Amino acid sequence: KEIYQTKVAGIPQIISRTLSIMTFETSDIEEEFFADMLLY
């Protein structure tokens, strides 16, 4: 849970940022139903 404030440069950073944006949606429903406390 963040607002990206730094620019990315180079393949590793671009890949990492892309995956970060995409994958944090994979657990939203699971967290909502099964996490009793969720920290950011």
PDB file of all heavy atoms in Angstrom:
ATOM      1  N   LYS A   1       0.854  -1.188   0.000  1.00  0.00           N
ATOM      2  CA  LYS A   1       0.000   0.000   0.000  1.00  0.00           C
ATOM      3  C   LYS A   1       0.888   1.236   0.000  1.00  0.00           C
ATOM      4  O   LYS A   1       1.354   1.694   1.025  1.00  0.00           O
ATOM      5  CB  LYS A   1      -0.910   0.018   1.223  1.00  0.00           C
ATOM      6  CG  LYS A   1      -1.935   1.148   1.203  1.00  0.00           C
ATOM      7  CD  LYS A   1      -2.845   1.075   2.417  1.00  0.00           C
ATOM      8  CE  LYS A   1      -3.902   2.149   2.361  1.00  0.00           C
ATOM      9  NZ  LYS A   1      -4.822   2.111   3.522  1.00  0.00           N
ATOM     10  N   GLU A   2       1.108   1.768  -1.177  1.00  0.00           N
ATOM     11  CA  GLU A   2       2.010   2.909  -1.290  1.00  0.00           C
ATOM     12  C   GLU A   2       1.700   3.715  -2.530  1.00  0.00           C
ATOM     13  O   GLU A   2       1.030   3.255  -3.453  1.00  0.00           O
ATOM     14  CB  GLU A   2       3.462   2.441  -1.348  1.00  0.00           C
ATOM     15  CG  GLU A   2       3.760   1.617  -2.580  1.00  0.00           C
ATOM     16  CD  GLU A   2       5.232   1.248  -2.667  1.00  0.00           C
ATOM     17  OE1 GLU A   2       6.068   2.156  -2.589  1.00  0.00           O
ATOM     18  OE2 GLU A   2       5.522   0.067  -2.809  1.00  0.00           O
ATOM     19  N   ILE A   3       2.167   4.924  -2.534  1.00  0.00           N
ATOM     20  CA  ILE A   3       2.125   5.752  -3.727  1.00  0.00           C
ATOM     21  C   ILE A   3       3.552   5.809  -4.258  1.00  0.00           C
ATOM     22  O   ILE A   3       4.468   6.237  -3.560  1.00  0.00           O
ATOM     23  CB  ILE A   3       1.625   7.179  -3.404  1.00  0.00           C
ATOM     24  CG1 ILE A   3       0.192   7.125  -2.875  1.00  0.00           C
ATOM     25  CG2 ILE A   3       1.691   8.060  -4.645  1.00  0.00           C
ATOM     26  CD1 ILE A   3      -0.328   8.465  -2.408  1.00  0.00           C
ATOM     27  N   TYR A   4       3.744   5.351  -5.472  1.00  0.00           N
ATOM     28  CA  TYR A   4       5.093   5.294  -6.012  1.00  0.00           C
ATOM     29  C   TYR A   4       5.596   6.711  -6.282  1.00  0.00           C
ATOM     30  O   TYR A   4       4.964   7.488  -6.998  1.00  0.00           O
ATOM     31  CB  TYR A   4       5.117   4.453  -7.288  1.00  0.00           C
ATOM     32  CG  TYR A   4       4.732   3.017  -7.048  1.00  0.00           C
ATOM     33  CD1 TYR A   4       3.502   2.529  -7.445  1.00  0.00           C
ATOM     34  CD2 TYR A   4       5.602   2.162  -6.377  1.00  0.00           C
ATOM     35  CE1 TYR A   4       3.146   1.202  -7.209  1.00  0.00           C
ATOM     36  CE2 TYR A   4       5.256   0.838  -6.139  1.00  0.00           C
ATOM     37  CZ  TYR A   4       4.030   0.369  -6.552  1.00  0.00           C
ATOM     38  OH  TYR A   4       3.677  -0.925  -6.310  1.00  0.00           O
ATOM     39  N   GLN A   5       6.708   7.043  -5.687  1.00  0.00           N
ATOM     40  CA  GLN A   5       7.240   8.397  -5.769  1.00  0.00           C
ATOM     41  C   GLN A   5       8.581   8.461  -6.504  1.00  0.00           C
ATOM     42  O   GLN A   5       9.093   9.544  -6.761  1.00  0.00           O
ATOM     43  CB  GLN A   5       7.404   8.976  -4.361  1.00  0.00           C
ATOM     44  CG  GLN A   5       6.070   9.097  -3.615  1.00  0.00           C
ATOM     45  CD  GLN A   5       6.248   9.581  -2.191  1.00  0.00           C
ATOM     46  OE1 GLN A   5       7.298   9.357  -1.586  1.00  0.00           O
ATOM     47  NE2 GLN A   5       5.244  10.251  -1.666  1.00  0.00           N
ATOM     48  N   THR A   6       9.139   7.321  -6.837  1.00  0.00           N
ATOM     49  CA  THR A   6      10.422   7.313  -7.533  1.00  0.00           C
ATOM     50  C   THR A   6      10.258   6.758  -8.937  1.00  0.00           C
ATOM     51  O   THR A   6       9.452   5.863  -9.183  1.00  0.00           O
ATOM     52  CB  THR A   6      11.444   6.436  -6.772  1.00  0.00           C
ATOM     53  OG1 THR A   6      10.933   5.099  -6.661  1.00  0.00           O
ATOM     54  CG2 THR A   6      11.686   6.991  -5.375  1.00  0.00           C
ATOM     55  N   LYS A   7      11.025   7.305  -9.862  1.00  0.00           N
ATOM     56  CA  LYS A   7      11.002   6.820 -11.228  1.00  0.00           C
ATOM     57  C   LYS A   7      11.835   5.546 -11.333  1.00  0.00           C
ATOM     58  O   LYS A   7      12.805   5.377 -10.611  1.00  0.00           O
ATOM     59  CB  LYS A   7      11.556   7.886 -12.169  1.00  0.00           C
ATOM     60  CG  LYS A   7      10.684   9.122 -12.288  1.00  0.00           C
ATOM     61  CD  LYS A   7      11.257  10.093 -13.306  1.00  0.00           C
ATOM     62  CE  LYS A   7      10.356  11.308 -13.457  1.00  0.00           C
ATOM     63  NZ  LYS A   7      10.896  12.266 -14.466  1.00  0.00           N
ATOM     64  N   VAL A   8      11.430   4.674 -12.228  1.00  0.00           N
ATOM     65  CA  VAL A   8      12.192   3.445 -12.433  1.00  0.00           C
ATOM     66  C   VAL A   8      13.065   3.597 -13.663  1.00  0.00           C
ATOM     67  O   VAL A   8      12.751   4.358 -14.588  1.00  0.00           O
ATOM     68  CB  VAL A   8      11.268   2.216 -12.593  1.00  0.00           C
ATOM     69  CG1 VAL A   8      10.484   1.976 -11.336  1.00  0.00           C
ATOM     70  CG2 VAL A   8      10.335   2.388 -13.784  1.00  0.00           C
ATOM     71  N   ALA A   9      14.169   2.859 -13.661  1.00  0.00           N
ATOM     72  CA  ALA A   9      15.076   2.885 -14.797  1.00  0.00           C
ATOM     73  C   ALA A   9      15.747   1.529 -14.917  1.00  0.00           C
ATOM     74  O   ALA A   9      16.175   0.956 -13.925  1.00  0.00           O
ATOM     75  CB  ALA A   9      16.130   3.979 -14.616  1.00  0.00           C
ATOM     76  N   GLY A  10      15.811   1.000 -16.106  1.00  0.00           N
ATOM     77  CA  GLY A  10      16.457  -0.288 -16.309  1.00  0.00           C
ATOM     78  C   GLY A  10      15.475  -1.437 -16.210  1.00  0.00           C
ATOM     79  O   GLY A  10      14.419  -1.338 -15.563  1.00  0.00           O
ATOM     80  N   ILE A  11      15.824  -2.544 -16.850  1.00  0.00           N
ATOM     81  CA  ILE A  11      14.939  -3.703 -16.911  1.00  0.00           C
ATOM     82  C   ILE A  11      14.559  -4.244 -15.530  1.00  0.00           C
ATOM     83  O   ILE A  11      13.376  -4.484 -15.271  1.00  0.00           O
ATOM     84  CB  ILE A  11      15.570  -4.812 -17.778  1.00  0.00           C
ATOM     85  CG1 ILE A  11      15.596  -4.360 -19.243  1.00  0.00           C
ATOM     86  CG2 ILE A  11      14.799  -6.127 -17.650  1.00  0.00           C
ATOM     87  CD1 ILE A  11      16.283  -5.333 -20.177  1.00  0.00           C
ATOM     88  N   PRO A  12      15.523  -4.478 -14.607  1.00  0.00           N
ATOM     89  CA  PRO A  12      15.141  -5.040 -13.309  1.00  0.00           C
ATOM     90  C   PRO A  12      14.118  -4.184 -12.561  1.00  0.00           C
ATOM     91  O   PRO A  12      13.148  -4.708 -12.009  1.00  0.00           O
ATOM     92  CB  PRO A  12      16.479  -5.104 -12.555  1.00  0.00           C
ATOM     93  CG  PRO A  12      17.512  -5.178 -13.625  1.00  0.00           C
ATOM     94  CD  PRO A  12      16.985  -4.318 -14.724  1.00  0.00           C
ATOM     95  N   GLN A  13      14.309  -2.857 -12.546  1.00  0.00           N
ATOM     96  CA  GLN A  13      13.391  -1.983 -11.825  1.00  0.00           C
ATOM     97  C   GLN A  13      12.020  -1.934 -12.497  1.00  0.00           C
ATOM     98  O   GLN A  13      10.990  -1.919 -11.825  1.00  0.00           O
ATOM     99  CB  GLN A  13      13.972  -0.577 -11.716  1.00  0.00           C
ATOM    100  CG  GLN A  13      15.139  -0.454 -10.751  1.00  0.00           C
ATOM    101  CD  GLN A  13      15.559   0.987 -10.531  1.00  0.00           C
ATOM    102  OE1 GLN A  13      14.827   1.926 -10.843  1.00  0.00           O
ATOM    103  NE2 GLN A  13      16.757   1.171  -9.993  1.00  0.00           N
ATOM    104  N   ILE A  14      12.011  -1.915 -13.822  1.00  0.00           N
ATOM    105  CA  ILE A  14      10.737  -1.885 -14.541  1.00  0.00           C
ATOM    106  C   ILE A  14       9.945  -3.160 -14.284  1.00  0.00           C
ATOM    107  O   ILE A  14       8.731  -3.127 -14.030  1.00  0.00           O
ATOM    108  CB  ILE A  14      10.972  -1.693 -16.057  1.00  0.00           C
ATOM    109  CG1 ILE A  14      11.527  -0.286 -16.323  1.00  0.00           C
ATOM    110  CG2 ILE A  14       9.676  -1.916 -16.837  1.00  0.00           C
ATOM    111  CD1 ILE A  14      11.963  -0.071 -17.764  1.00  0.00           C
ATOM    112  N   ILE A  15      10.632  -4.293 -14.323  1.00  0.00           N
ATOM    113  CA  ILE A  15       9.965  -5.574 -14.069  1.00  0.00           C
ATOM    114  C   ILE A  15       9.438  -5.624 -12.642  1.00  0.00           C
ATOM    115  O   ILE A  15       8.297  -6.015 -12.391  1.00  0.00           O
ATOM    116  CB  ILE A  15      10.929  -6.742 -14.324  1.00  0.00           C
ATOM    117  CG1 ILE A  15      11.273  -6.832 -15.813  1.00  0.00           C
ATOM    118  CG2 ILE A  15      10.325  -8.065 -13.845  1.00  0.00           C
ATOM    119  CD1 ILE A  15      12.399  -7.785 -16.129  1.00  0.00           C
ATOM    120  N   SER A  16      10.285  -5.207 -11.690  1.00  0.00           N
ATOM    121  CA  SER A  16       9.894  -5.241 -10.283  1.00  0.00           C
ATOM    122  C   SER A  16       8.679  -4.364 -10.029  1.00  0.00           C
ATOM    123  O   SER A  16       7.743  -4.760  -9.340  1.00  0.00           O
ATOM    124  CB  SER A  16      11.070  -4.791  -9.406  1.00  0.00           C
ATOM    125  OG  SER A  16      10.702  -4.775  -8.051  1.00  0.00           O
ATOM    126  N   ARG A  17       8.663  -3.140 -10.600  1.00  0.00           N
ATOM    127  CA  ARG A  17       7.525  -2.240 -10.401  1.00  0.00           C
ATOM    128  C   ARG A  17       6.263  -2.794 -11.048  1.00  0.00           C
ATOM    129  O   ARG A  17       5.179  -2.728 -10.467  1.00  0.00           O
ATOM    130  CB  ARG A  17       7.870  -0.863 -10.976  1.00  0.00           C
ATOM    131  CG  ARG A  17       6.718   0.167 -10.910  1.00  0.00           C
ATOM    132  CD  ARG A  17       6.380   0.575  -9.487  1.00  0.00           C
ATOM    133  NE  ARG A  17       7.494   1.234  -8.856  1.00  0.00           N
ATOM    134  CZ  ARG A  17       7.817   2.533  -9.025  1.00  0.00           C
ATOM    135  NH1 ARG A  17       7.107   3.294  -9.824  1.00  0.00           N
ATOM    136  NH2 ARG A  17       8.841   3.052  -8.369  1.00  0.00           N
ATOM    137  N   THR A  18       6.410  -3.352 -12.242  1.00  0.00           N
ATOM    138  CA  THR A  18       5.253  -3.921 -12.934  1.00  0.00           C
ATOM    139  C   THR A  18       4.625  -5.049 -12.127  1.00  0.00           C
ATOM    140  O   THR A  18       3.398  -5.095 -11.928  1.00  0.00           O
ATOM    141  CB  THR A  18       5.669  -4.456 -14.318  1.00  0.00           C
ATOM    142  OG1 THR A  18       6.226  -3.392 -15.087  1.00  0.00           O
ATOM    143  CG2 THR A  18       4.469  -5.039 -15.055  1.00  0.00           C
ATOM    144  N   LEU A  19       5.463  -5.964 -11.648  1.00  0.00           N
ATOM    145  CA  LEU A  19       4.957  -7.080 -10.856  1.00  0.00           C
ATOM    146  C   LEU A  19       4.346  -6.593  -9.551  1.00  0.00           C
ATOM    147  O   LEU A  19       3.340  -7.128  -9.077  1.00  0.00           O
ATOM    148  CB  LEU A  19       6.080  -8.080 -10.580  1.00  0.00           C
ATOM    149  CG  LEU A  19       6.563  -8.880 -11.791  1.00  0.00           C
ATOM    150  CD1 LEU A  19       7.791  -9.693 -11.433  1.00  0.00           C
ATOM    151  CD2 LEU A  19       5.457  -9.784 -12.310  1.00  0.00           C
ATOM    152  N   SER A  20       4.958  -5.573  -8.949  1.00  0.00           N
ATOM    153  CA  SER A  20       4.433  -5.031  -7.698  1.00  0.00           C
ATOM    154  C   SER A  20       3.027  -4.496  -7.894  1.00  0.00           C
ATOM    155  O   SER A  20       2.130  -4.754  -7.097  1.00  0.00           O
ATOM    156  CB  SER A  20       5.360  -3.921  -7.184  1.00  0.00           C
ATOM    157  OG  SER A  20       4.854  -3.352  -5.998  1.00  0.00           O
ATOM    158  N   ILE A  21       2.823  -3.735  -8.965  1.00  0.00           N
ATOM    159  CA  ILE A  21       1.503  -3.168  -9.239  1.00  0.00           C
ATOM    160  C   ILE A  21       0.476  -4.262  -9.479  1.00  0.00           C
ATOM    161  O   ILE A  21      -0.662  -4.201  -9.005  1.00  0.00           O
ATOM    162  CB  ILE A  21       1.578  -2.218 -10.450  1.00  0.00           C
ATOM    163  CG1 ILE A  21       2.432  -0.987 -10.108  1.00  0.00           C
ATOM    164  CG2 ILE A  21       0.178  -1.774 -10.873  1.00  0.00           C
ATOM    165  CD1 ILE A  21       2.749  -0.108 -11.309  1.00  0.00           C
ATOM    166  N   MET A  22       0.894  -5.308 -10.216  1.00  0.00           N
ATOM    167  CA  MET A  22      -0.039  -6.367 -10.589  1.00  0.00           C
ATOM    168  C   MET A  22      -0.347  -7.334  -9.447  1.00  0.00           C
ATOM    169  O   MET A  22      -1.503  -7.683  -9.200  1.00  0.00           O
ATOM    170  CB  MET A  22       0.526  -7.162 -11.774  1.00  0.00           C
ATOM    171  CG  MET A  22       0.616  -6.381 -13.057  1.00  0.00           C
ATOM    172  SD  MET A  22       1.444  -7.327 -14.367  1.00  0.00           S
ATOM    173  CE  MET A  22       0.378  -8.751 -14.493  1.00  0.00           C
ATOM    174  N   THR A  23       0.685  -7.762  -8.723  1.00  0.00           N
ATOM    175  CA  THR A  23       0.500  -8.881  -7.806  1.00  0.00           C
ATOM    176  C   THR A  23      -0.171  -8.514  -6.495  1.00  0.00           C
ATOM    177  O   THR A  23      -0.744  -9.379  -5.830  1.00  0.00           O
ATOM    178  CB  THR A  23       1.844  -9.557  -7.479  1.00  0.00           C
ATOM    179  OG1 THR A  23       2.739  -8.589  -6.918  1.00  0.00           O
ATOM    180  CG2 THR A  23       2.465 -10.145  -8.722  1.00  0.00           C
ATOM    181  N   PHE A  24      -0.125  -7.238  -6.099  1.00  0.00           N
ATOM    182  CA  PHE A  24      -0.756  -6.904  -4.826  1.00  0.00           C
ATOM    183  C   PHE A  24      -2.276  -6.972  -4.888  1.00  0.00           C
ATOM    184  O   PHE A  24      -2.954  -6.850  -3.881  1.00  0.00           O
ATOM    185  CB  PHE A  24      -0.278  -5.538  -4.323  1.00  0.00           C
ATOM    186  CG  PHE A  24       1.052  -5.631  -3.623  1.00  0.00           C
ATOM    187  CD1 PHE A  24       2.220  -5.297  -4.265  1.00  0.00           C
ATOM    188  CD2 PHE A  24       1.134  -6.110  -2.323  1.00  0.00           C
ATOM    189  CE1 PHE A  24       3.449  -5.417  -3.645  1.00  0.00           C
ATOM    190  CE2 PHE A  24       2.356  -6.233  -1.681  1.00  0.00           C
ATOM    191  CZ  PHE A  24       3.521  -5.875  -2.353  1.00  0.00           C
ATOM    192  N   GLU A  25      -2.801  -7.178  -6.103  1.00  0.00           N
ATOM    193  CA  GLU A  25      -4.237  -7.395  -6.231  1.00  0.00           C
ATOM    194  C   GLU A  25      -4.609  -8.861  -6.010  1.00  0.00           C
ATOM    195  O   GLU A  25      -5.776  -9.180  -5.834  1.00  0.00           O
ATOM    196  CB  GLU A  25      -4.717  -6.947  -7.612  1.00  0.00           C
ATOM    197  CG  GLU A  25      -4.497  -5.458  -7.889  1.00  0.00           C
ATOM    198  CD  GLU A  25      -4.992  -5.061  -9.269  1.00  0.00           C
ATOM    199  OE1 GLU A  25      -5.547  -5.948  -9.954  1.00  0.00           O
ATOM    200  OE2 GLU A  25      -4.828  -3.892  -9.649  1.00  0.00           O
ATOM    201  N   THR A  26      -3.616  -9.759  -6.013  1.00  0.00           N
ATOM    202  CA  THR A  26      -3.919 -11.187  -5.950  1.00  0.00           C
ATOM    203  C   THR A  26      -4.460 -11.623  -4.599  1.00  0.00           C
ATOM    204  O   THR A  26      -5.135 -12.644  -4.504  1.00  0.00           O
ATOM    205  CB  THR A  26      -2.677 -12.043  -6.274  1.00  0.00           C
ATOM    206  OG1 THR A  26      -1.673 -11.822  -5.252  1.00  0.00           O
ATOM    207  CG2 THR A  26      -2.087 -11.664  -7.614  1.00  0.00           C
ATOM    208  N   SER A  27      -4.161 -10.877  -3.544  1.00  0.00           N
ATOM    209  CA  SER A  27      -4.561 -11.313  -2.204  1.00  0.00           C
ATOM    210  C   SER A  27      -5.650 -10.454  -1.580  1.00  0.00           C
ATOM    211  O   SER A  27      -6.010 -10.657  -0.422  1.00  0.00           O
ATOM    212  CB  SER A  27      -3.344 -11.326  -1.268  1.00  0.00           C
ATOM    213  OG  SER A  27      -2.450 -12.337  -1.641  1.00  0.00           O
ATOM    214  N   ASP A  28      -6.188  -9.485  -2.337  1.00  0.00           N
ATOM    215  CA  ASP A  28      -7.158  -8.549  -1.761  1.00  0.00           C
ATOM    216  C   ASP A  28      -8.347  -9.245  -1.113  1.00  0.00           C
ATOM    217  O   ASP A  28      -8.709  -8.963   0.036  1.00  0.00           O
ATOM    218  CB  ASP A  28      -7.664  -7.577  -2.824  1.00  0.00           C
ATOM    219  CG  ASP A  28      -6.643  -6.488  -3.134  1.00  0.00           C
ATOM    220  OD1 ASP A  28      -5.632  -6.419  -2.408  1.00  0.00           O
ATOM    221  OD2 ASP A  28      -6.855  -5.724  -4.089  1.00  0.00           O
ATOM    222  N   ILE A  29      -8.976 -10.157  -1.855  1.00  0.00           N
ATOM    223  CA  ILE A  29     -10.181 -10.832  -1.344  1.00  0.00           C
ATOM    224  C   ILE A  29      -9.827 -11.725  -0.164  1.00  0.00           C
ATOM    225  O   ILE A  29     -10.519 -11.750   0.859  1.00  0.00           O
ATOM    226  CB  ILE A  29     -10.858 -11.653  -2.458  1.00  0.00           C
ATOM    227  CG1 ILE A  29     -11.354 -10.715  -3.566  1.00  0.00           C
ATOM    228  CG2 ILE A  29     -12.007 -12.475  -1.890  1.00  0.00           C
ATOM    229  CD1 ILE A  29     -11.969 -11.419  -4.750  1.00  0.00           C
ATOM    230  N   GLU A  30      -8.711 -12.460  -0.291  1.00  0.00           N
ATOM    231  CA  GLU A  30      -8.275 -13.350   0.783  1.00  0.00           C
ATOM    232  C   GLU A  30      -7.993 -12.569   2.062  1.00  0.00           C
ATOM    233  O   GLU A  30      -8.401 -12.972   3.155  1.00  0.00           O
ATOM    234  CB  GLU A  30      -7.025 -14.103   0.340  1.00  0.00           C
ATOM    235  CG  GLU A  30      -6.517 -15.114   1.351  1.00  0.00           C
ATOM    236  CD  GLU A  30      -5.353 -15.923   0.808  1.00  0.00           C
ATOM    237  OE1 GLU A  30      -5.427 -16.374  -0.346  1.00  0.00           O
ATOM    238  OE2 GLU A  30      -4.370 -16.084   1.553  1.00  0.00           O
ATOM    239  N   GLU A  31      -7.333 -11.438   1.941  1.00  0.00           N
ATOM    240  CA  GLU A  31      -7.044 -10.613   3.109  1.00  0.00           C
ATOM    241  C   GLU A  31      -8.330 -10.096   3.730  1.00  0.00           C
ATOM    242  O   GLU A  31      -8.485 -10.062   4.959  1.00  0.00           O
ATOM    243  CB  GLU A  31      -6.146  -9.437   2.709  1.00  0.00           C
ATOM    244  CG  GLU A  31      -4.743  -9.839   2.294  1.00  0.00           C
ATOM    245  CD  GLU A  31      -3.995  -8.703   1.641  1.00  0.00           C
ATOM    246  OE1 GLU A  31      -4.224  -7.541   2.029  1.00  0.00           O
ATOM    247  OE2 GLU A  31      -3.184  -8.960   0.744  1.00  0.00           O
ATOM    248  N   GLU A  32      -9.257  -9.669   2.889  1.00  0.00           N
ATOM    249  CA  GLU A  32     -10.513  -9.110   3.379  1.00  0.00           C
ATOM    250  C   GLU A  32     -11.298 -10.118   4.216  1.00  0.00           C
ATOM    251  O   GLU A  32     -11.889  -9.771   5.239  1.00  0.00           O
ATOM    252  CB  GLU A  32     -11.362  -8.647   2.185  1.00  0.00           C
ATOM    253  CG  GLU A  32     -12.667  -7.958   2.564  1.00  0.00           C
ATOM    254  CD  GLU A  32     -12.444  -6.633   3.258  1.00  0.00           C
ATOM    255  OE1 GLU A  32     -11.442  -5.961   2.991  1.00  0.00           O
ATOM    256  OE2 GLU A  32     -13.309  -6.281   4.088  1.00  0.00           O
ATOM    257  N   PHE A  33     -11.281 -11.379   3.796  1.00  0.00           N
ATOM    258  CA  PHE A  33     -12.093 -12.388   4.473  1.00  0.00           C
ATOM    259  C   PHE A  33     -11.359 -13.115   5.600  1.00  0.00           C
ATOM    260  O   PHE A  33     -11.994 -13.544   6.563  1.00  0.00           O
ATOM    261  CB  PHE A  33     -12.608 -13.422   3.459  1.00  0.00           C
ATOM    262  CG  PHE A  33     -13.781 -12.941   2.659  1.00  0.00           C
ATOM    263  CD1 PHE A  33     -13.587 -12.386   1.412  1.00  0.00           C
ATOM    264  CD2 PHE A  33     -15.069 -13.022   3.154  1.00  0.00           C
ATOM    265  CE1 PHE A  33     -14.662 -11.923   0.664  1.00  0.00           C
ATOM    266  CE2 PHE A  33     -16.156 -12.562   2.427  1.00  0.00           C
ATOM    267  CZ  PHE A  33     -15.953 -12.003   1.164  1.00  0.00           C
ATOM    268  N   PHE A  34     -10.048 -13.261   5.507  1.00  0.00           N
ATOM    269  CA  PHE A  34      -9.351 -14.135   6.445  1.00  0.00           C
ATOM    270  C   PHE A  34      -8.367 -13.428   7.380  1.00  0.00           C
ATOM    271  O   PHE A  34      -7.925 -14.025   8.362  1.00  0.00           O
ATOM    272  CB  PHE A  34      -8.621 -15.245   5.690  1.00  0.00           C
ATOM    273  CG  PHE A  34      -9.540 -16.179   4.946  1.00  0.00           C
ATOM    274  CD1 PHE A  34      -9.691 -16.092   3.571  1.00  0.00           C
ATOM    275  CD2 PHE A  34     -10.271 -17.139   5.630  1.00  0.00           C
ATOM    276  CE1 PHE A  34     -10.539 -16.939   2.890  1.00  0.00           C
ATOM    277  CE2 PHE A  34     -11.125 -17.994   4.958  1.00  0.00           C
ATOM    278  CZ  PHE A  34     -11.267 -17.901   3.584  1.00  0.00           C
ATOM    279  N   ALA A  35      -8.013 -12.173   7.096  1.00  0.00           N
ATOM    280  CA  ALA A  35      -7.104 -11.458   7.998  1.00  0.00           C
ATOM    281  C   ALA A  35      -7.905 -10.729   9.064  1.00  0.00           C
ATOM    282  O   ALA A  35      -8.838  -9.986   8.760  1.00  0.00           O
ATOM    283  CB  ALA A  35      -6.260 -10.468   7.209  1.00  0.00           C
ATOM    284  N   ASP A  36      -7.562 -10.954  10.330  1.00  0.00           N
ATOM    285  CA  ASP A  36      -8.248 -10.274  11.429  1.00  0.00           C
ATOM    286  C   ASP A  36      -7.648  -8.892  11.683  1.00  0.00           C
ATOM    287  O   ASP A  36      -8.335  -7.983  12.135  1.00  0.00           O
ATOM    288  CB  ASP A  36      -8.144 -11.125  12.694  1.00  0.00           C
ATOM    289  CG  ASP A  36      -8.828 -12.468  12.523  1.00  0.00           C
ATOM    290  OD1 ASP A  36     -10.070 -12.503  12.606  1.00  0.00           O
ATOM    291  OD2 ASP A  36      -8.131 -13.469  12.275  1.00  0.00           O
ATOM    292  N   MET A  37      -6.372  -8.744  11.419  1.00  0.00           N
ATOM    293  CA  MET A  37      -5.716  -7.441  11.472  1.00  0.00           C
ATOM    294  C   MET A  37      -4.765  -7.346  10.286  1.00  0.00           C
ATOM    295  O   MET A  37      -3.986  -8.253  10.035  1.00  0.00           O
ATOM    296  CB  MET A  37      -4.946  -7.250  12.785  1.00  0.00           C
ATOM    297  CG  MET A  37      -4.217  -5.908  12.868  1.00  0.00           C
ATOM    298  SD  MET A  37      -3.310  -5.649  14.435  1.00  0.00           S
ATOM    299  CE  MET A  37      -4.685  -5.324  15.542  1.00  0.00           C
ATOM    300  N   LEU A  38      -4.857  -6.242   9.570  1.00  0.00           N
ATOM    301  CA  LEU A  38      -4.052  -6.053   8.374  1.00  0.00           C
ATOM    302  C   LEU A  38      -3.248  -4.769   8.505  1.00  0.00           C
ATOM    303  O   LEU A  38      -3.813  -3.690   8.663  1.00  0.00           O
ATOM    304  CB  LEU A  38      -4.965  -5.983   7.142  1.00  0.00           C
ATOM    305  CG  LEU A  38      -4.324  -5.849   5.766  1.00  0.00           C
ATOM    306  CD1 LEU A  38      -3.336  -6.971   5.507  1.00  0.00           C
ATOM    307  CD2 LEU A  38      -5.412  -5.833   4.695  1.00  0.00           C
ATOM    308  N   LEU A  39      -1.930  -4.892   8.492  1.00  0.00           N
ATOM    309  CA  LEU A  39      -1.046  -3.753   8.682  1.00  0.00           C
ATOM    310  C   LEU A  39      -0.350  -3.365   7.382  1.00  0.00           C
ATOM    311  O   LEU A  39       0.034  -4.222   6.594  1.00  0.00           O
ATOM    312  CB  LEU A  39       0.020  -4.075   9.734  1.00  0.00           C
ATOM    313  CG  LEU A  39      -0.468  -4.509  11.117  1.00  0.00           C
ATOM    314  CD1 LEU A  39       0.719  -4.728  12.040  1.00  0.00           C
ATOM    315  CD2 LEU A  39      -1.427  -3.494  11.705  1.00  0.00           C
ATOM    316  N   TYR A  40      -0.180  -2.065   7.202  1.00  0.00           N
ATOM    317  CA  TYR A  40       0.521  -1.525   6.041  1.00  0.00           C
ATOM    318  C   TYR A  40       1.666  -0.628   6.514  1.00  0.00           C
ATOM    319  O   TYR A  40       1.483   0.563   6.720  1.00  0.00           O
ATOM    320  CB  TYR A  40      -0.419  -0.690   5.170  1.00  0.00           C
ATOM    321  CG  TYR A  40      -1.546  -1.431   4.529  1.00  0.00           C
ATOM    322  CD1 TYR A  40      -2.813  -1.457   5.121  1.00  0.00           C
ATOM    323  CD2 TYR A  40      -1.378  -2.099   3.324  1.00  0.00           C
ATOM    324  CE1 TYR A  40      -3.865  -2.128   4.521  1.00  0.00           C
ATOM    325  CE2 TYR A  40      -2.427  -2.756   2.709  1.00  0.00           C
ATOM    326  CZ  TYR A  40      -3.668  -2.777   3.316  1.00  0.00           C
ATOM    327  OH  TYR A  40      -4.702  -3.445   2.708  1.00  0.00           O
TER     328      TYR A  40
END
